[in-house]
Protein backbone atom coordinates (compact mmCIF):
# COMPACT_ATOMS: atom_id res chain seq x y z
CA MET A 1 -1.76 -6.29 -2.39
CA THR A 2 -1.12 -2.78 -3.74
CA THR A 3 -1.25 -4.02 -7.33
CA LEU A 4 -4.59 -5.72 -6.71
CA ALA A 5 -5.98 -2.60 -5.00
CA ARG A 6 -4.82 -0.47 -7.95
CA LEU A 7 -6.54 -2.70 -10.48
CA VAL A 8 -9.82 -2.92 -8.56
CA VAL A 9 -10.12 0.85 -8.10
CA ALA A 10 -8.96 1.46 -11.67
CA GLY A 11 -11.52 -0.96 -13.10
CA VAL A 12 -14.40 0.72 -11.28
CA LEU A 13 -13.28 4.22 -12.29
CA ILE A 14 -12.72 3.36 -15.95
CA VAL A 15 -16.08 1.58 -16.31
CA ALA A 16 -17.92 4.40 -14.50
CA GLY A 17 -16.25 7.07 -16.61
CA TRP A 18 -16.72 5.20 -19.87
CA LEU A 19 -20.45 4.71 -19.28
CA LYS A 20 -20.91 8.43 -18.60
CA ILE A 21 -18.61 10.07 -21.10
CA GLY A 22 -20.83 9.27 -24.08
CA THR A 23 -23.86 10.97 -22.50
CA PRO A 24 -22.52 14.07 -20.72
CA ALA A 25 -25.98 15.63 -20.45
CA LEU A 26 -27.17 12.71 -18.33
CA SER A 27 -24.02 12.98 -16.22
CA VAL A 28 -24.87 16.63 -15.53
CA GLN A 29 -28.46 15.68 -14.63
CA ALA A 30 -27.18 13.05 -12.20
CA VAL A 31 -25.01 15.62 -10.42
CA GLU A 32 -27.85 18.12 -10.30
CA ALA A 33 -30.16 15.48 -8.80
CA TYR A 34 -28.19 15.64 -5.54
CA GLU A 35 -29.22 19.29 -5.13
CA LEU A 36 -25.90 20.11 -3.48
CA LEU A 37 -24.13 22.30 -6.04
CA PRO A 38 -25.06 25.46 -7.93
CA GLU A 39 -26.16 24.75 -11.48
CA SER A 40 -22.99 26.18 -13.04
CA VAL A 41 -20.74 24.06 -10.78
CA ALA A 42 -22.89 20.98 -11.30
CA ARG A 43 -22.43 21.32 -15.07
CA ILE A 44 -18.66 21.51 -14.70
CA VAL A 45 -18.62 18.46 -12.43
CA GLY A 46 -20.99 16.55 -14.72
CA TYR A 47 -18.85 17.13 -17.79
CA GLY A 48 -15.50 16.78 -16.08
CA LEU A 49 -16.08 13.79 -13.78
CA PRO A 50 -16.08 11.07 -16.49
CA ILE A 51 -12.81 12.39 -17.91
CA VAL A 52 -11.19 12.49 -14.47
CA GLU A 53 -12.38 8.96 -13.70
CA ILE A 54 -10.95 7.53 -16.91
CA VAL A 55 -7.61 9.36 -16.66
CA VAL A 56 -7.10 8.40 -13.02
CA GLY A 57 -8.15 4.82 -13.78
CA VAL A 58 -5.59 4.50 -16.58
CA LEU A 59 -2.85 5.93 -14.35
CA LEU A 60 -3.69 3.32 -11.73
CA VAL A 61 -3.65 0.48 -14.27
CA VAL A 62 -0.17 1.33 -15.56
CA GLY A 63 1.09 2.43 -12.15
CA LEU A 64 2.16 5.91 -13.16
CA LEU A 65 1.93 8.73 -10.58
CA THR A 66 0.34 6.02 -8.50
CA ARG A 67 0.18 7.78 -5.17
CA THR A 68 -1.29 10.93 -6.69
CA ALA A 69 -3.89 8.84 -8.51
CA GLY A 70 -4.61 7.01 -5.27
CA VAL A 71 -5.21 10.27 -3.40
CA ILE A 72 -7.56 11.55 -6.13
CA SER A 73 -9.42 8.22 -6.13
CA ALA A 74 -9.82 8.29 -2.36
CA LEU A 75 -11.16 11.86 -2.49
CA LEU A 76 -13.64 10.90 -5.23
CA MET A 77 -14.93 7.95 -3.20
CA LEU A 78 -15.25 10.11 -0.12
CA ALA A 79 -17.21 12.70 -2.12
CA PHE A 80 -19.53 9.97 -3.42
CA VAL A 81 -20.14 8.70 0.13
CA ILE A 82 -20.96 12.21 1.37
CA GLY A 83 -23.26 12.90 -1.59
CA ILE A 84 -25.20 9.65 -1.25
CA ALA A 85 -25.47 9.97 2.55
CA SER A 86 -26.70 13.54 2.13
CA ALA A 87 -29.38 12.51 -0.38
CA TRP A 88 -30.48 9.70 1.95
CA ALA A 89 -30.63 12.01 4.98
CA ARG A 90 -32.73 14.55 3.07
CA GLY A 91 -35.19 11.95 1.88
CA LEU A 92 -34.28 12.21 -1.81
CA ARG A 93 -34.96 9.15 -3.94
CA ILE A 94 -32.43 9.27 -6.74
CA ASP A 95 -30.03 7.01 -8.57
CA CYS A 96 -26.44 7.78 -7.61
CA GLY A 97 -25.48 8.13 -11.28
CA CYS A 98 -22.24 6.27 -10.56
CA PHE A 99 -22.46 4.22 -13.75
CA GLY A 100 -24.48 6.52 -15.95
CA GLY A 101 -28.09 7.57 -15.99
CA GLY A 102 -29.58 10.92 -15.17
CA GLY A 103 -30.28 10.31 -11.51
CA GLN A 104 -33.90 9.19 -11.95
CA LEU A 105 -35.17 5.95 -10.45
CA ALA A 106 -37.65 3.66 -12.13
CA GLU A 107 -41.04 3.45 -10.42
CA GLY A 108 -40.80 1.30 -7.29
CA GLN A 109 -37.01 1.00 -7.56
CA ASP A 110 -35.08 1.04 -4.28
CA PRO A 111 -32.22 3.58 -4.19
CA GLY A 112 -30.04 1.09 -2.29
CA TYR A 113 -28.20 3.89 -0.52
CA LEU A 114 -26.67 1.70 2.20
CA TRP A 115 -25.18 -0.78 -0.25
CA LYS A 116 -23.75 2.02 -2.41
CA ILE A 117 -22.23 3.74 0.62
CA LEU A 118 -20.58 0.49 1.72
CA GLN A 119 -19.28 -0.06 -1.80
CA ASP A 120 -17.73 3.39 -1.97
CA LEU A 121 -16.27 3.04 1.53
CA GLY A 122 -14.59 -0.20 0.45
CA LEU A 123 -13.17 1.53 -2.62
CA PHE A 124 -12.05 4.42 -0.43
CA VAL A 125 -10.05 2.01 1.74
CA LEU A 126 -8.41 0.46 -1.34
CA ALA A 127 -7.59 3.88 -2.79
CA ALA A 128 -6.12 5.00 0.54
CA TRP A 129 -3.99 1.85 0.57
CA VAL A 130 -2.69 2.70 -2.92
CA ALA A 131 -1.92 6.26 -1.83
CA TRP A 132 -0.09 5.16 1.32
CA PHE A 133 1.98 2.19 0.21
CA ALA A 134 4.52 1.73 -2.57
CA PRO A 135 2.99 0.97 -6.00
CA GLY A 136 4.41 -2.55 -6.30
CA ARG A 137 6.76 -4.13 -8.78
CA PHE A 138 4.23 -4.15 -11.66
CA ALA A 139 4.06 -0.37 -11.94
CA LEU A 140 5.72 2.16 -14.23
CA ASP A 141 6.67 4.19 -11.17
CA SER A 142 8.88 1.30 -10.02
CA ALA A 143 10.34 0.70 -13.50
CA LEU A 144 11.14 4.40 -13.99
CA GLY A 145 12.52 4.85 -10.48
CA LEU A 146 9.73 7.23 -9.49
CA ALA A 147 8.58 5.12 -6.55
CA PRO A 148 10.18 5.81 -3.16
CA GLU A 149 13.06 3.44 -2.48
CA ARG A 150 12.28 0.55 -0.22
CA GLU A 151 14.56 -1.31 2.14
CA PRO A 152 16.64 -3.82 0.16
CA TYR A 153 15.83 -7.45 0.75
CA ALA A 154 18.00 -8.92 3.49
CA ALA A 155 20.67 -11.34 2.39
CA ASP A 156 20.70 -14.96 3.50
CA GLY A 157 21.30 -15.28 7.17
CA ALA A 158 19.60 -12.00 7.99
CA ASP A 159 17.58 -13.76 10.66
CA GLU A 160 20.67 -14.91 12.50
CA ASP A 161 21.48 -13.65 15.95
CA PRO A 162 23.62 -10.48 15.65
CA ASP A 163 26.15 -12.02 18.05
CA ASP A 164 26.52 -15.01 15.71
CA ARG A 165 27.15 -12.68 12.77
CA ASP A 166 29.73 -10.76 14.79
CA ASP A 167 31.56 -13.99 15.58
CA ARG A 168 31.37 -15.09 11.95
CA ASP A 169 32.72 -11.79 10.67
CA VAL A 170 35.82 -11.75 12.89
CA PRO A 171 38.86 -11.50 10.54
CA GLU A 172 41.20 -14.50 10.36
CA ASP A 173 44.15 -12.41 11.56
CA ALA A 174 42.23 -11.49 14.68
CA ALA A 175 41.36 -15.11 15.31
CA MET A 176 44.97 -16.19 14.78
CA ALA A 177 46.13 -13.44 17.06
CA GLY A 178 44.44 -15.27 19.92
CA GLU A 179 46.41 -18.48 19.29
CA PRO A 180 49.72 -17.54 20.98
CA ALA A 181 47.88 -16.55 24.10
CA GLY A 182 46.04 -19.86 24.09
CA ARG A 183 49.22 -21.77 23.49
CA ALA A 184 50.98 -19.86 26.22
CA ALA A 185 48.14 -20.62 28.54
CA GLY A 186 48.39 -24.28 27.61
CA VAL A 187 52.14 -24.37 28.28
CA ASP A 188 51.65 -22.64 31.58
CA MET A 189 49.00 -25.13 32.59
CA GLY A 190 51.26 -27.96 31.50
CA ASP A 191 54.13 -26.59 33.58
CA ARG A 192 51.91 -26.29 36.58
CA THR A 193 50.72 -29.84 36.14
CA GLY A 194 54.30 -31.06 35.99
CA ALA A 195 55.22 -29.06 39.05
CA ASP A 196 52.31 -30.52 40.96
CA LYS A 197 53.51 -34.01 40.20
CA VAL A 198 57.04 -33.49 41.64
CA PRO A 199 55.99 -33.50 45.30
CA ASP A 200 53.96 -36.67 44.74
CA MET A 201 57.01 -38.43 43.28
CA LYS A 202 59.18 -37.31 46.16
CA GLU A 203 56.63 -38.61 48.68
CA ASN A 204 56.45 -41.95 46.92
CA GLY A 205 60.23 -42.17 46.95
């Protein structure tokens, strides 16, 4: 599940970053269209966001620094949700700029804010999953020993009753040690049986 979540989030980030990185001016315009950030900050975000998306996406694909990449991805998705919800609440009609474009909508085009918010919320959940759980076996973190150690797989018979395992694991010496007592008990019972028969024989005689 974690591997699938990594690849889905990574694919979205890499495509989004790749479509924007070739036209940084449009990326800046898209950020400015939200009217949330000062112009100087919006320029930094517009130029830097595509690079961050691609780098984080590649880290997720190969499974390197997976949890850190998952946290960054989750924060990005949360920021996108807040930005789109804010534009919707303020009555702005803009394109989110998620996959390029300068934030302008074609005449008569629906912004589709609800659908985009649901999309980003779904990606946020996947990114949070990646950040919380181990990266999976198909990850460089696991191959390089950077992933947190997980409980080793239980050996065969792990589902047995603990009492059964305790009985099975009793050493042979301990089991043999109980034999003399058993034999003694058997002899004692035999003697008693013989003694009980004596009075019967005497009565018959």
